[in-house]
Amino acid sequence: MITPDYWDEACKHLAKKDRVMKRLIPQFGDACLESRGDAFVTLARSIVGQQISVKAAQSVWERFADLPRRMNPGSVLKLKVDDMRAAGLSARKVEYLVDLALHFDNGQVHVDSWKDMDDEQIIAELVAIRGIGRWTAEMFLMFHLMRPNVLPLDDVGLINGISKNYFSGDPVSRSDAREVAMAWAPYCSVGTWYIWRSLEPVPVAY
């Protein structure tokens, strides 16, 4: 697993700028964001996991991952639809995974250029793939590319966590959430991660 080199600096910044972060950060020791390091696998896993529980997603993923010899775009394109369906994937998710593999296989996603592209350019490239919306693209920026300043305002956990930690459980709008996160910049990804931890102590990895 790969971890971000800015984490310690981000934690110092957050603890100095935000009283809630100052309280939360020490509760989770050395845990931090981790990347699996494979762009295609990370996105494929996020498609498999859509709208099903974490546990169900893991068992479908394991059955699906057993089908190709290696989990890469070329191998996925050779799989039979019936085999993919038998692994527990819906017809729609099979279409999404094939579209993902095609985008990688024919160079429509510029993996090698991502390091020089800004967050919004990468999001635009990813949401052109069927089955990938802005939220999935933002999770990818955070968990795969480990971009430091992503604020996923469509994320229910982030909104609930801000409500709980900053507004005593009162309902929170996107603009409320954005205002709270102004203190986190340029480390909104790290602030978001700690808000998630406050709801769910086990770290998430995609």
Foldseek 3Di string as FASTA:
>chain_A
DDFDPCQVVLLVLCLVLDVLSVVQVVVQPPDGFAAPQDLLLLLLLVLLPPPDDPVVSVQLCVQQCVQFPHPALVRLLPDDPVSNVVSPDDPQSNQLSNQSSVCVVVVLQPVVCVVVDDLVVNLVSVCVRPSDHSQSSLLCCCRHVVQFAGARLVDPLLQQLCCVRPVVNDHDDSVNSVVSCVSSPPGSSRVSQSSNCVVPVDGDHD
